[in-house]
Amino acid sequence: MAVYLSAEKKQEIFQNYGGDANNTGSIEGQVALFTFRIKSLSEHLNKFKKDHATRRSLLMMVGKRKSLLEYLKRKDIAKYRSLIQALGIRG
């Protein structure tokens, strides 16, 4: 199994979006981490189209990210809008 997410990259994501490298529980940081992982899995699936286990993992991650975004939208619409713009995830 390939390790595609180093500890430094994870800290960088949480620092940029979560406010602090140690704030791994922030909704913004979690959504940013899921987005990074989703992009990585999407690139993998473009090369290996018959990898159904990875496809299932990708769909589960998309569902988790969607539920976190719905929660953020209910709690703070301004943070939601700035996050989706920063990540570029909504068309």
PDB file of N, CA and C in Angstrom:
ATOM      1  N   MET A   1       0.845  -1.178   0.000  1.00  0.00           N
ATOM      2  CA  MET A   1       0.000   0.000   0.000  1.00  0.00           C
ATOM      3  C   MET A   1       0.887   1.237   0.000  1.00  0.00           C
ATOM      4  N   ALA A   2       0.590   2.144  -0.856  1.00  0.00           N
ATOM      5  CA  ALA A   2       1.403   3.349  -1.000  1.00  0.00           C
ATOM      6  C   ALA A   2       1.028   4.377   0.065  1.00  0.00           C
ATOM      7  N   VAL A   3       2.030   5.009   0.598  1.00  0.00           N
ATOM      8  CA  VAL A   3       1.811   6.082   1.560  1.00  0.00           C
ATOM      9  C   VAL A   3       1.834   7.391   0.773  1.00  0.00           C
ATOM     10  N   TYR A   4       0.691   7.992   0.612  1.00  0.00           N
ATOM     11  CA  TYR A   4       0.601   9.194  -0.198  1.00  0.00           C
ATOM     12  C   TYR A   4       0.444  10.449   0.645  1.00  0.00           C
ATOM     13  N   LEU A   5       0.389  10.297   1.954  1.00  0.00           N
ATOM     14  CA  LEU A   5       0.158  11.452   2.808  1.00  0.00           C
ATOM     15  C   LEU A   5       1.183  11.447   3.942  1.00  0.00           C
ATOM     16  N   SER A   6       2.188  12.298   3.830  1.00  0.00           N
ATOM     17  CA  SER A   6       3.204  12.376   4.875  1.00  0.00           C
ATOM     18  C   SER A   6       2.676  13.208   6.042  1.00  0.00           C
ATOM     19  N   ALA A   7       3.320  13.063   7.171  1.00  0.00           N
ATOM     20  CA  ALA A   7       2.917  13.815   8.360  1.00  0.00           C
ATOM     21  C   ALA A   7       3.095  15.312   8.132  1.00  0.00           C
ATOM     22  N   GLU A   8       4.131  15.696   7.381  1.00  0.00           N
ATOM     23  CA  GLU A   8       4.365  17.114   7.112  1.00  0.00           C
ATOM     24  C   GLU A   8       3.249  17.690   6.248  1.00  0.00           C
ATOM     25  N   LYS A   9       2.819  16.927   5.245  1.00  0.00           N
ATOM     26  CA  LYS A   9       1.743  17.395   4.364  1.00  0.00           C
ATOM     27  C   LYS A   9       0.444  17.535   5.151  1.00  0.00           C
ATOM     28  N   LYS A  10       0.192  16.592   6.053  1.00  0.00           N
ATOM     29  CA  LYS A  10      -1.008  16.640   6.879  1.00  0.00           C
ATOM     30  C   LYS A  10      -0.995  17.879   7.774  1.00  0.00           C
ATOM     31  N   GLN A  11       0.164  18.155   8.400  1.00  0.00           N
ATOM     32  CA  GLN A  11       0.276  19.342   9.248  1.00  0.00           C
ATOM     33  C   GLN A  11       0.101  20.610   8.431  1.00  0.00           C
ATOM     34  N   GLU A  12       0.648  20.615   7.217  1.00  0.00           N
ATOM     35  CA  GLU A  12       0.508  21.783   6.345  1.00  0.00           C
ATOM     36  C   GLU A  12      -0.957  22.041   5.999  1.00  0.00           C
ATOM     37  N   ILE A  13      -1.694  20.985   5.698  1.00  0.00           N
ATOM     38  CA  ILE A  13      -3.121  21.128   5.368  1.00  0.00           C
ATOM     39  C   ILE A  13      -3.878  21.688   6.559  1.00  0.00           C
ATOM     40  N   PHE A  14      -3.641  21.131   7.753  1.00  0.00           N
ATOM     41  CA  PHE A  14      -4.350  21.616   8.933  1.00  0.00           C
ATOM     42  C   PHE A  14      -3.922  23.028   9.312  1.00  0.00           C
ATOM     43  N   GLN A  15      -2.675  23.383   9.054  1.00  0.00           N
ATOM     44  CA  GLN A  15      -2.223  24.751   9.346  1.00  0.00           C
ATOM     45  C   GLN A  15      -2.907  25.748   8.415  1.00  0.00           C
ATOM     46  N   ASN A  16      -3.015  25.388   7.133  1.00  0.00           N
ATOM     47  CA  ASN A  16      -3.607  26.305   6.163  1.00  0.00           C
ATOM     48  C   ASN A  16      -5.110  26.465   6.341  1.00  0.00           C
ATOM     49  N   TYR A  17      -5.801  25.391   6.669  1.00  0.00           N
ATOM     50  CA  TYR A  17      -7.260  25.444   6.700  1.00  0.00           C
ATOM     51  C   TYR A  17      -7.844  25.338   8.104  1.00  0.00           C
ATOM     52  N   GLY A  18      -7.147  24.678   9.029  1.00  0.00           N
ATOM     53  CA  GLY A  18      -7.689  24.491  10.367  1.00  0.00           C
ATOM     54  C   GLY A  18      -7.272  25.551  11.356  1.00  0.00           C
ATOM     55  N   GLY A  19      -6.335  26.404  10.984  1.00  0.00           N
ATOM     56  CA  GLY A  19      -5.882  27.468  11.863  1.00  0.00           C
ATOM     57  C   GLY A  19      -4.632  27.118  12.632  1.00  0.00           C
ATOM     58  N   ASP A  20      -4.435  25.841  12.946  1.00  0.00           N
ATOM     59  CA  ASP A  20      -3.261  25.398  13.698  1.00  0.00           C
ATOM     60  C   ASP A  20      -2.930  23.982  13.259  1.00  0.00           C
ATOM     61  N   ALA A  21      -1.659  23.640  13.254  1.00  0.00           N
ATOM     62  CA  ALA A  21      -1.239  22.301  12.813  1.00  0.00           C
ATOM     63  C   ALA A  21      -1.761  21.218  13.751  1.00  0.00           C
ATOM     64  N   ASN A  22      -1.999  21.566  15.013  1.00  0.00           N
ATOM     65  CA  ASN A  22      -2.489  20.584  15.989  1.00  0.00           C
ATOM     66  C   ASN A  22      -4.010  20.529  16.071  1.00  0.00           C
ATOM     67  N   ASN A  23      -4.690  21.409  15.364  1.00  0.00           N
ATOM     68  CA  ASN A  23      -6.146  21.463  15.408  1.00  0.00           C
ATOM     69  C   ASN A  23      -6.726  20.506  14.366  1.00  0.00           C
ATOM     70  N   THR A  24      -6.561  19.215  14.603  1.00  0.00           N
ATOM     71  CA  THR A  24      -7.001  18.224  13.623  1.00  0.00           C
ATOM     72  C   THR A  24      -8.502  17.966  13.677  1.00  0.00           C
ATOM     73  N   GLY A  25      -9.186  18.526  14.635  1.00  0.00           N
ATOM     74  CA  GLY A  25     -10.619  18.312  14.761  1.00  0.00           C
ATOM     75  C   GLY A  25     -11.453  19.370  14.078  1.00  0.00           C
ATOM     76  N   SER A  26     -10.839  20.408  13.540  1.00  0.00           N
ATOM     77  CA  SER A  26     -11.620  21.470  12.915  1.00  0.00           C
ATOM     78  C   SER A  26     -12.284  20.952  11.644  1.00  0.00           C
ATOM     79  N   ILE A  27     -13.494  21.384  11.426  1.00  0.00           N
ATOM     80  CA  ILE A  27     -14.256  20.944  10.262  1.00  0.00           C
ATOM     81  C   ILE A  27     -13.551  21.366   8.979  1.00  0.00           C
ATOM     82  N   GLU A  28     -13.032  22.599   8.956  1.00  0.00           N
ATOM     83  CA  GLU A  28     -12.369  23.092   7.751  1.00  0.00           C
ATOM     84  C   GLU A  28     -11.142  22.244   7.419  1.00  0.00           C
ATOM     85  N   GLY A  29     -10.365  21.893   8.426  1.00  0.00           N
ATOM     86  CA  GLY A  29      -9.178  21.071   8.222  1.00  0.00           C
ATOM     87  C   GLY A  29      -9.526  19.671   7.747  1.00  0.00           C
ATOM     88  N   GLN A  30     -10.588  19.098   8.317  1.00  0.00           N
ATOM     89  CA  GLN A  30     -11.002  17.762   7.913  1.00  0.00           C
ATOM     90  C   GLN A  30     -11.488  17.750   6.474  1.00  0.00           C
ATOM     91  N   VAL A  31     -12.250  18.770   6.087  1.00  0.00           N
ATOM     92  CA  VAL A  31     -12.743  18.845   4.706  1.00  0.00           C
ATOM     93  C   VAL A  31     -11.570  19.010   3.739  1.00  0.00           C
ATOM     94  N   ALA A  32     -10.596  19.825   4.115  1.00  0.00           N
ATOM     95  CA  ALA A  32      -9.420  20.020   3.260  1.00  0.00           C
ATOM     96  C   ALA A  32      -8.631  18.723   3.127  1.00  0.00           C
ATOM     97  N   LEU A  33      -8.505  17.973   4.212  1.00  0.00           N
ATOM     98  CA  LEU A  33      -7.796  16.694   4.162  1.00  0.00           C
ATOM     99  C   LEU A  33      -8.542  15.698   3.271  1.00  0.00           C
ATOM    100  N   PHE A  34      -9.854  15.610   3.423  1.00  0.00           N
ATOM    101  CA  PHE A  34     -10.645  14.733   2.560  1.00  0.00           C
ATOM    102  C   PHE A  34     -10.511  15.142   1.100  1.00  0.00           C
ATOM    103  N   THR A  35     -10.490  16.436   0.825  1.00  0.00           N
ATOM    104  CA  THR A  35     -10.363  16.912  -0.552  1.00  0.00           C
ATOM    105  C   THR A  35      -9.025  16.487  -1.144  1.00  0.00           C
ATOM    106  N   PHE A  36      -7.956  16.614  -0.363  1.00  0.00           N
ATOM    107  CA  PHE A  36      -6.637  16.191  -0.843  1.00  0.00           C
ATOM    108  C   PHE A  36      -6.633  14.695  -1.141  1.00  0.00           C
ATOM    109  N   ARG A  37      -7.206  13.909  -0.240  1.00  0.00           N
ATOM    110  CA  ARG A  37      -7.239  12.462  -0.423  1.00  0.00           C
ATOM    111  C   ARG A  37      -8.128  12.068  -1.598  1.00  0.00           C
ATOM    112  N   ILE A  38      -9.232  12.764  -1.798  1.00  0.00           N
ATOM    113  CA  ILE A  38     -10.132  12.482  -2.913  1.00  0.00           C
ATOM    114  C   ILE A  38      -9.436  12.755  -4.240  1.00  0.00           C
ATOM    115  N   LYS A  39      -8.703  13.858  -4.313  1.00  0.00           N
ATOM    116  CA  LYS A  39      -7.962  14.160  -5.549  1.00  0.00           C
ATOM    117  C   LYS A  39      -6.925  13.092  -5.834  1.00  0.00           C
ATOM    118  N   SER A  40      -6.252  12.641  -4.794  1.00  0.00           N
ATOM    119  CA  SER A  40      -5.239  11.603  -4.959  1.00  0.00           C
ATOM    120  C   SER A  40      -5.859  10.295  -5.450  1.00  0.00           C
ATOM    121  N   LEU A  41      -6.985   9.904  -4.858  1.00  0.00           N
ATOM    122  CA  LEU A  41      -7.645   8.668  -5.288  1.00  0.00           C
ATOM    123  C   LEU A  41      -8.231   8.794  -6.687  1.00  0.00           C
ATOM    124  N   SER A  42      -8.683   9.971  -7.047  1.00  0.00           N
ATOM    125  CA  SER A  42      -9.212  10.173  -8.397  1.00  0.00           C
ATOM    126  C   SER A  42      -8.125   9.992  -9.443  1.00  0.00           C
ATOM    127  N   GLU A  43      -6.931  10.505  -9.154  1.00  0.00           N
ATOM    128  CA  GLU A  43      -5.806  10.312 -10.073  1.00  0.00           C
ATOM    129  C   GLU A  43      -5.459   8.831 -10.188  1.00  0.00           C
ATOM    130  N   HIS A  44      -5.501   8.116  -9.074  1.00  0.00           N
ATOM    131  CA  HIS A  44      -5.213   6.683  -9.090  1.00  0.00           C
ATOM    132  C   HIS A  44      -6.245   5.942  -9.948  1.00  0.00           C
ATOM    133  N   LEU A  45      -7.515   6.312  -9.800  1.00  0.00           N
ATOM    134  CA  LEU A  45      -8.561   5.615 -10.546  1.00  0.00           C
ATOM    135  C   LEU A  45      -8.534   5.941 -12.031  1.00  0.00           C
ATOM    136  N   ASN A  46      -7.953   7.071 -12.406  1.00  0.00           N
ATOM    137  CA  ASN A  46      -7.801   7.357 -13.831  1.00  0.00           C
ATOM    138  C   ASN A  46      -6.826   6.387 -14.476  1.00  0.00           C
ATOM    139  N   LYS A  47      -5.830   5.942 -13.707  1.00  0.00           N
ATOM    140  CA  LYS A  47      -4.860   4.984 -14.237  1.00  0.00           C
ATOM    141  C   LYS A  47      -5.365   3.547 -14.130  1.00  0.00           C
ATOM    142  N   PHE A  48      -5.996   3.224 -12.999  1.00  0.00           N
ATOM    143  CA  PHE A  48      -6.437   1.853 -12.736  1.00  0.00           C
ATOM    144  C   PHE A  48      -7.957   1.824 -12.645  1.00  0.00           C
ATOM    145  N   LYS A  49      -8.599   1.702 -13.782  1.00  0.00           N
ATOM    146  CA  LYS A  49     -10.050   1.840 -13.861  1.00  0.00           C
ATOM    147  C   LYS A  49     -10.816   0.688 -13.201  1.00  0.00           C
ATOM    148  N   LYS A  50     -10.197  -0.463 -13.037  1.00  0.00           N
ATOM    149  CA  LYS A  50     -10.900  -1.624 -12.480  1.00  0.00           C
ATOM    150  C   LYS A  50     -10.645  -1.829 -10.992  1.00  0.00           C
ATOM    151  N   ASP A  51     -10.078  -0.862 -10.332  1.00  0.00           N
ATOM    152  CA  ASP A  51      -9.803  -0.951  -8.900  1.00  0.00           C
ATOM    153  C   ASP A  51     -11.068  -0.573  -8.135  1.00  0.00           C
ATOM    154  N   HIS A  52     -11.934  -1.548  -7.928  1.00  0.00           N
ATOM    155  CA  HIS A  52     -13.240  -1.261  -7.337  1.00  0.00           C
ATOM    156  C   HIS A  52     -13.169  -0.997  -5.837  1.00  0.00           C
ATOM    157  N   ALA A  53     -12.198  -1.551  -5.154  1.00  0.00           N
ATOM    158  CA  ALA A  53     -12.054  -1.287  -3.721  1.00  0.00           C
ATOM    159  C   ALA A  53     -11.701   0.185  -3.485  1.00  0.00           C
ATOM    160  N   THR A  54     -10.833   0.711  -4.332  1.00  0.00           N
ATOM    161  CA  THR A  54     -10.475   2.127  -4.211  1.00  0.00           C
ATOM    162  C   THR A  54     -11.651   3.011  -4.588  1.00  0.00           C
ATOM    163  N   ARG A  55     -12.422   2.586  -5.583  1.00  0.00           N
ATOM    164  CA  ARG A  55     -13.605   3.353  -5.975  1.00  0.00           C
ATOM    165  C   ARG A  55     -14.599   3.444  -4.814  1.00  0.00           C
ATOM    166  N   ARG A  56     -14.766   2.338  -4.100  1.00  0.00           N
ATOM    167  CA  ARG A  56     -15.665   2.337  -2.952  1.00  0.00           C
ATOM    168  C   ARG A  56     -15.145   3.270  -1.862  1.00  0.00           C
ATOM    169  N   SER A  57     -13.843   3.229  -1.612  1.00  0.00           N
ATOM    170  CA  SER A  57     -13.248   4.123  -0.619  1.00  0.00           C
ATOM    171  C   SER A  57     -13.437   5.581  -1.016  1.00  0.00           C
ATOM    172  N   LEU A  58     -13.275   5.854  -2.295  1.00  0.00           N
ATOM    173  CA  LEU A  58     -13.458   7.214  -2.793  1.00  0.00           C
ATOM    174  C   LEU A  58     -14.892   7.677  -2.562  1.00  0.00           C
ATOM    175  N   LEU A  59     -15.857   6.830  -2.863  1.00  0.00           N
ATOM    176  CA  LEU A  59     -17.255   7.209  -2.676  1.00  0.00           C
ATOM    177  C   LEU A  59     -17.591   7.424  -1.206  1.00  0.00           C
ATOM    178  N   MET A  60     -17.002   6.627  -0.327  1.00  0.00           N
ATOM    179  CA  MET A  60     -17.242   6.826   1.105  1.00  0.00           C
ATOM    180  C   MET A  60     -16.642   8.143   1.579  1.00  0.00           C
ATOM    181  N   MET A  61     -15.456   8.487   1.073  1.00  0.00           N
ATOM    182  CA  MET A  61     -14.827   9.759   1.448  1.00  0.00           C
ATOM    183  C   MET A  61     -15.641  10.950   0.957  1.00  0.00           C
ATOM    184  N   VAL A  62     -16.153  10.836  -0.262  1.00  0.00           N
ATOM    185  CA  VAL A  62     -16.978  11.916  -0.801  1.00  0.00           C
ATOM    186  C   VAL A  62     -18.220  12.097   0.075  1.00  0.00           C
ATOM    187  N   GLY A  63     -18.810  11.002   0.520  1.00  0.00           N
ATOM    188  CA  GLY A  63     -19.981  11.079   1.397  1.00  0.00           C
ATOM    189  C   GLY A  63     -19.659  11.714   2.736  1.00  0.00           C
ATOM    190  N   LYS A  64     -18.515  11.365   3.323  1.00  0.00           N
ATOM    191  CA  LYS A  64     -18.112  11.967   4.598  1.00  0.00           C
ATOM    192  C   LYS A  64     -17.860  13.457   4.438  1.00  0.00           C
ATOM    193  N   ARG A  65     -17.184  13.814   3.341  1.00  0.00           N
ATOM    194  CA  ARG A  65     -16.908  15.234   3.100  1.00  0.00           C
ATOM    195  C   ARG A  65     -18.207  16.003   2.914  1.00  0.00           C
ATOM    196  N   LYS A  66     -19.156  15.389   2.212  1.00  0.00           N
ATOM    197  CA  LYS A  66     -20.442  16.047   1.983  1.00  0.00           C
ATOM    198  C   LYS A  66     -21.175  16.294   3.297  1.00  0.00           C
ATOM    199  N   SER A  67     -21.149  15.302   4.198  1.00  0.00           N
ATOM    200  CA  SER A  67     -21.844  15.498   5.468  1.00  0.00           C
ATOM    201  C   SER A  67     -21.149  16.561   6.324  1.00  0.00           C
ATOM    202  N   LEU A  68     -19.818  16.612   6.281  1.00  0.00           N
ATOM    203  CA  LEU A  68     -19.112  17.660   7.015  1.00  0.00           C
ATOM    204  C   LEU A  68     -19.423  19.042   6.443  1.00  0.00           C
ATOM    205  N   LEU A  69     -19.510  19.128   5.112  1.00  0.00           N
ATOM    206  CA  LEU A  69     -19.836  20.408   4.488  1.00  0.00           C
ATOM    207  C   LEU A  69     -21.267  20.835   4.818  1.00  0.00           C
ATOM    208  N   GLU A  70     -22.185  19.885   4.880  1.00  0.00           N
ATOM    209  CA  GLU A  70     -23.566  20.218   5.259  1.00  0.00           C
ATOM    210  C   GLU A  70     -23.618  20.748   6.691  1.00  0.00           C
ATOM    211  N   TYR A  71     -22.847  20.137   7.580  1.00  0.00           N
ATOM    212  CA  TYR A  71     -22.779  20.601   8.963  1.00  0.00           C
ATOM    213  C   TYR A  71     -22.224  22.020   9.024  1.00  0.00           C
ATOM    214  N   LEU A  72     -21.145  22.260   8.278  1.00  0.00           N
ATOM    215  CA  LEU A  72     -20.536  23.587   8.273  1.00  0.00           C
ATOM    216  C   LEU A  72     -21.491  24.618   7.690  1.00  0.00           C
ATOM    217  N   LYS A  73     -22.242  24.230   6.678  1.00  0.00           N
ATOM    218  CA  LYS A  73     -23.202  25.153   6.063  1.00  0.00           C
ATOM    219  C   LYS A  73     -24.287  25.551   7.063  1.00  0.00           C
ATOM    220  N   ARG A  74     -24.725  24.572   7.877  1.00  0.00           N
ATOM    221  CA  ARG A  74     -25.749  24.868   8.891  1.00  0.00           C
ATOM    222  C   ARG A  74     -25.198  25.772   9.983  1.00  0.00           C
ATOM    223  N   LYS A  75     -23.931  25.555  10.389  1.00  0.00           N
ATOM    224  CA  LYS A  75     -23.375  26.290  11.524  1.00  0.00           C
ATOM    225  C   LYS A  75     -22.865  27.675  11.152  1.00  0.00           C
ATOM    226  N   ASP A  76     -22.143  27.785  10.030  1.00  0.00           N
ATOM    227  CA  ASP A  76     -21.527  29.065   9.668  1.00  0.00           C
ATOM    228  C   ASP A  76     -21.410  29.152   8.148  1.00  0.00           C
ATOM    229  N   ILE A  77     -22.364  29.824   7.523  1.00  0.00           N
ATOM    230  CA  ILE A  77     -22.433  29.884   6.061  1.00  0.00           C
ATOM    231  C   ILE A  77     -21.248  30.649   5.474  1.00  0.00           C
ATOM    232  N   ALA A  78     -20.723  31.639   6.203  1.00  0.00           N
ATOM    233  CA  ALA A  78     -19.590  32.420   5.685  1.00  0.00           C
ATOM    234  C   ALA A  78     -18.333  31.549   5.587  1.00  0.00           C
ATOM    235  N   LYS A  79     -18.064  30.755   6.629  1.00  0.00           N
ATOM    236  CA  LYS A  79     -16.913  29.850   6.597  1.00  0.00           C
ATOM    237  C   LYS A  79     -17.088  28.805   5.494  1.00  0.00           C
ATOM    238  N   TYR A  80     -18.318  28.328   5.336  1.00  0.00           N
ATOM    239  CA  TYR A  80     -18.609  27.338   4.292  1.00  0.00           C
ATOM    240  C   TYR A  80     -18.278  27.893   2.912  1.00  0.00           C
ATOM    241  N   ARG A  81     -18.752  29.092   2.640  1.00  0.00           N
ATOM    242  CA  ARG A  81     -18.522  29.700   1.326  1.00  0.00           C
ATOM    243  C   ARG A  81     -17.043  29.976   1.080  1.00  0.00           C
ATOM    244  N   SER A  82     -16.339  30.462   2.095  1.00  0.00           N
ATOM    245  CA  SER A  82     -14.909  30.736   1.905  1.00  0.00           C
ATOM    246  C   SER A  82     -14.119  29.439   1.724  1.00  0.00           C
ATOM    247  N   LEU A  83     -14.520  28.374   2.412  1.00  0.00           N
ATOM    248  CA  LEU A  83     -13.812  27.096   2.301  1.00  0.00           C
ATOM    249  C   LEU A  83     -14.001  26.466   0.926  1.00  0.00           C
ATOM    250  N   ILE A  84     -15.219  26.458   0.420  1.00  0.00           N
ATOM    251  CA  ILE A  84     -15.420  25.836  -0.881  1.00  0.00           C
ATOM    252  C   ILE A  84     -14.758  26.653  -1.991  1.00  0.00           C
ATOM    253  N   GLN A  85     -14.659  27.956  -1.795  1.00  0.00           N
ATOM    254  CA  GLN A  85     -13.952  28.779  -2.769  1.00  0.00           C
ATOM    255  C   GLN A  85     -12.441  28.518  -2.716  1.00  0.00           C
ATOM    256  N   ALA A  86     -11.911  28.391  -1.493  1.00  0.00           N
ATOM    257  CA  ALA A  86     -10.476  28.155  -1.338  1.00  0.00           C
ATOM    258  C   ALA A  86     -10.073  26.785  -1.885  1.00  0.00           C
ATOM    259  N   LEU A  87     -10.930  25.791  -1.676  1.00  0.00           N
ATOM    260  CA  LEU A  87     -10.617  24.437  -2.145  1.00  0.00           C
ATOM    261  C   LEU A  87     -11.022  24.217  -3.606  1.00  0.00           C
ATOM    262  N   GLY A  88     -11.923  25.045  -4.095  1.00  0.00           N
ATOM    263  CA  GLY A  88     -12.373  24.907  -5.483  1.00  0.00           C
ATOM    264  C   GLY A  88     -13.146  23.625  -5.721  1.00  0.00           C
ATOM    265  N   ILE A  89     -14.067  23.278  -4.805  1.00  0.00           N
ATOM    266  CA  ILE A  89     -14.754  22.005  -4.935  1.00  0.00           C
ATOM    267  C   ILE A  89     -16.168  22.112  -5.477  1.00  0.00           C
ATOM    268  N   ARG A  90     -16.741  23.253  -5.532  1.00  0.00           N
ATOM    269  CA  ARG A  90     -18.077  23.409  -6.119  1.00  0.00           C
ATOM    270  C   ARG A  90     -17.953  24.212  -7.393  1.00  0.00           C
ATOM    271  N   GLY A  91     -18.564  23.693  -8.453  1.00  0.00           N
ATOM    272  CA  GLY A  91     -18.464  24.288  -9.785  1.00  0.00           C
ATOM    273  C   GLY A  91     -18.864  25.700  -9.850  1.00  0.00           C
TER     274      GLY A  91
END
